[in-house]
Protein backbone atom coordinates (compact mmCIF):
# COMPACT_ATOMS: atom_id res chain seq x y z
CA MET A 1 21.70 -10.30 -25.94
CA GLY A 2 21.89 -6.48 -25.96
CA ALA A 3 24.08 -4.54 -28.36
CA SER A 4 26.05 -6.61 -30.85
CA ASP A 5 29.85 -6.61 -30.93
CA TYR A 6 29.59 -4.61 -34.16
CA ILE A 7 27.62 -1.79 -32.47
CA LEU A 8 29.81 -1.89 -29.35
CA ARG A 9 32.90 -1.37 -31.56
CA ILE A 10 31.27 1.63 -33.25
CA ARG A 11 30.20 3.07 -29.87
CA GLU A 12 33.86 2.97 -28.77
CA HIS A 13 34.52 5.60 -31.47
CA VAL A 14 31.35 7.70 -31.45
CA GLY A 15 30.24 7.52 -27.83
CA HIS A 16 26.56 8.46 -27.49
CA ASP A 17 26.43 10.25 -30.90
CA LEU A 18 23.75 9.32 -33.40
CA LEU A 19 24.09 5.98 -35.22
CA TRP A 20 22.09 5.19 -38.38
CA LEU A 21 21.12 1.51 -38.17
CA PRO A 22 19.04 -0.91 -40.25
CA SER A 23 16.52 -2.78 -38.11
CA VAL A 24 13.64 -5.22 -38.32
CA SER A 25 10.44 -5.75 -36.35
CA ALA A 26 8.21 -8.82 -36.23
CA VAL A 27 4.47 -9.02 -35.80
CA VAL A 28 3.68 -12.59 -34.76
CA ARG A 29 0.24 -14.05 -34.05
CA ASN A 30 -0.63 -17.37 -32.45
CA ASP A 31 -3.51 -19.66 -33.49
CA ALA A 32 -5.88 -17.65 -31.26
CA GLY A 33 -4.97 -14.45 -33.15
CA GLU A 34 -3.12 -12.98 -30.17
CA LEU A 35 -0.06 -10.79 -30.75
CA LEU A 36 3.37 -11.50 -29.31
CA LEU A 37 4.89 -8.65 -27.31
CA GLY A 38 7.95 -8.36 -25.10
CA ARG A 39 8.49 -6.01 -22.20
CA ARG A 40 11.85 -4.32 -22.73
CA ALA A 41 14.46 -4.57 -19.98
CA ASP A 42 15.94 -1.13 -20.70
CA ASP A 43 12.82 1.04 -20.38
CA GLY A 44 10.01 -1.31 -19.29
CA ARG A 45 7.88 -0.63 -22.39
CA TRP A 46 6.00 -3.31 -24.31
CA SER A 47 6.95 -3.73 -27.96
CA VAL A 48 7.15 -6.14 -30.87
CA ALA A 49 10.31 -8.22 -31.25
CA SER A 50 12.86 -6.00 -32.97
CA GLY A 51 16.56 -5.68 -33.53
CA VAL A 52 19.43 -4.57 -35.71
CA VAL A 53 20.33 -6.23 -39.00
CA GLU A 54 23.95 -7.37 -38.69
CA PRO A 55 26.54 -6.78 -41.47
CA SER A 56 26.07 -9.27 -44.34
CA GLU A 57 22.70 -10.41 -42.93
CA GLN A 58 19.50 -10.25 -44.95
CA PRO A 59 16.54 -8.52 -43.22
CA ALA A 60 14.37 -11.66 -43.39
CA THR A 61 17.14 -13.65 -41.71
CA ALA A 62 17.52 -10.92 -39.07
CA VAL A 63 13.82 -10.95 -38.18
CA VAL A 64 13.86 -14.74 -37.74
CA ARG A 65 17.00 -14.47 -35.58
CA GLU A 66 15.65 -11.60 -33.45
CA VAL A 67 12.37 -13.38 -32.67
CA ARG A 68 14.25 -16.57 -31.75
CA GLU A 69 16.81 -14.69 -29.61
CA GLU A 70 14.20 -12.64 -27.74
CA THR A 71 11.33 -15.12 -27.40
CA GLY A 72 12.56 -18.62 -28.27
CA LEU A 73 9.95 -18.85 -31.05
CA HIS A 74 10.53 -20.07 -34.58
CA VAL A 75 8.87 -17.87 -37.22
CA GLU A 76 8.80 -17.35 -40.95
CA PRO A 77 8.49 -13.86 -42.46
CA VAL A 78 5.57 -13.84 -44.90
CA ARG A 79 5.24 -10.18 -45.86
CA LEU A 80 7.15 -6.94 -45.61
CA SER A 81 4.45 -4.70 -44.15
CA SER A 82 6.09 -1.37 -43.24
CA VAL A 83 9.18 0.72 -43.87
CA LEU A 84 10.02 3.79 -41.80
CA THR A 85 12.75 5.55 -39.90
CA HIS A 86 12.45 6.51 -36.27
CA PRO A 87 14.84 7.94 -33.68
CA HIS A 88 15.44 6.40 -30.29
CA THR A 89 17.50 7.52 -27.31
CA TYR A 90 18.37 4.79 -24.82
CA PRO A 91 18.40 5.35 -21.05
CA ASN A 92 22.23 5.41 -21.14
CA GLY A 93 22.18 8.30 -23.65
CA ASP A 94 23.01 6.30 -26.80
CA ARG A 95 21.19 7.85 -29.78
CA CYS A 96 20.08 5.88 -32.85
CA GLU A 97 18.03 6.48 -35.96
CA TYR A 98 16.59 3.18 -37.15
CA LEU A 99 15.60 2.34 -40.70
CA ASN A 100 13.00 -0.24 -39.71
CA LEU A 101 11.49 -2.96 -41.88
CA GLY A 102 8.32 -4.38 -40.33
CA PHE A 103 7.43 -7.98 -41.15
CA GLU A 104 4.28 -10.00 -40.69
CA CYS A 105 5.55 -13.39 -39.51
CA ARG A 106 3.99 -16.83 -39.33
CA LEU A 107 4.50 -18.77 -36.11
CA LEU A 108 6.16 -22.12 -36.84
CA GLY A 109 6.62 -23.46 -33.34
CA SER A 110 8.04 -23.52 -29.84
CA THR A 111 6.84 -21.84 -26.65
CA ALA A 112 7.15 -18.10 -26.04
CA ARG A 113 9.50 -17.22 -23.19
CA VAL A 114 12.02 -14.60 -22.13
CA ASN A 115 15.06 -15.89 -23.97
CA ASP A 116 17.70 -13.17 -23.46
CA ASP A 117 18.49 -10.15 -21.32
CA GLU A 118 16.66 -7.67 -23.59
CA SER A 119 13.20 -8.54 -22.20
CA VAL A 120 11.75 -9.05 -18.75
CA ALA A 121 8.47 -10.56 -19.99
CA VAL A 122 7.02 -12.11 -23.16
CA GLU A 123 3.25 -12.43 -23.50
CA TRP A 124 0.46 -12.97 -26.01
CA PHE A 125 -2.20 -10.22 -26.16
CA PRO A 126 -5.58 -10.07 -27.91
CA PRO A 127 -5.36 -7.32 -30.57
CA ASP A 128 -8.17 -5.37 -28.88
CA ARG A 129 -6.44 -5.46 -25.45
CA LEU A 130 -2.85 -4.41 -26.11
CA PRO A 131 -0.84 -2.68 -23.39
CA PRO A 132 0.38 0.89 -24.01
CA LEU A 133 2.75 0.90 -26.99
CA ASP A 134 4.86 3.62 -28.60
CA ARG A 135 3.90 5.01 -32.00
CA HIS A 136 6.42 2.87 -33.86
CA ALA A 137 5.08 -0.41 -32.42
CA ARG A 138 1.47 0.65 -33.08
CA LEU A 139 2.26 1.45 -36.73
CA VAL A 140 4.19 -1.78 -37.30
CA ILE A 141 1.32 -3.80 -35.83
CA ALA A 142 -1.40 -1.90 -37.70
CA HIS A 143 0.26 -2.41 -41.06
CA ALA A 144 1.19 -6.03 -40.47
CA LEU A 145 -2.44 -6.76 -39.62
CA GLY A 146 -3.76 -4.55 -42.43
CA ALA A 147 -4.91 -5.63 -45.85
CA GLU A 148 -2.34 -3.61 -47.83
CA ALA A 149 -0.78 -5.65 -50.60
CA THR A 150 2.45 -3.64 -50.44
CA ALA A 151 4.55 -2.27 -47.60
CA TRP A 152 3.33 0.95 -46.00
CA PHE A 153 5.71 3.91 -45.68
CA LEU A 154 5.53 7.51 -44.53
CA PRO A 155 4.98 10.01 -47.35
CA ALA A 156 7.98 11.86 -48.79
CA GLY A 157 8.86 14.90 -46.72
CA THR A 158 7.53 13.45 -43.46
CA VAL A 159 9.81 13.92 -40.45
CA TRP A 160 9.46 11.79 -37.33
CA THR A 161 10.78 13.07 -34.01
CA GLU A 162 11.08 11.26 -30.70
CA SER A 163 8.35 13.50 -29.33
CA ASP A 164 5.99 11.65 -31.69
CA ASP A 165 6.24 8.53 -29.44
């Protein structure tokens, strides 16, 4: 689906300048324990299903919507597993800083497929044979699969730069 109408309207005013955006990411496993990843259309990198929380939308609703839009799968968020901010510059020069909420999600049904124009591939990967991932995706996955009872977050005073990816 690409950028929402809401973000496109903001971009009309700010151009490529930095936007601060709430976002969600989903870590989804199938019955074999494999992880769902999508290959992004904009930069060709593999990542977890992610997207922006729309105005008036709850994060749990957004993560369900994003997984369905990107992969056709129906999921249920079961645990908030990570909270962090991270910058991203898109190939067209748009700059964003995302406040990302990572969710562990339970697969409810359907068949994984490329379901929009944001991905060029959707695949299941064994956790010990993941393709190269950026730091954000690795952290979201690690903490969704971890045993922490509460959501992980970076310590106070920590700064994340794009060079950390």
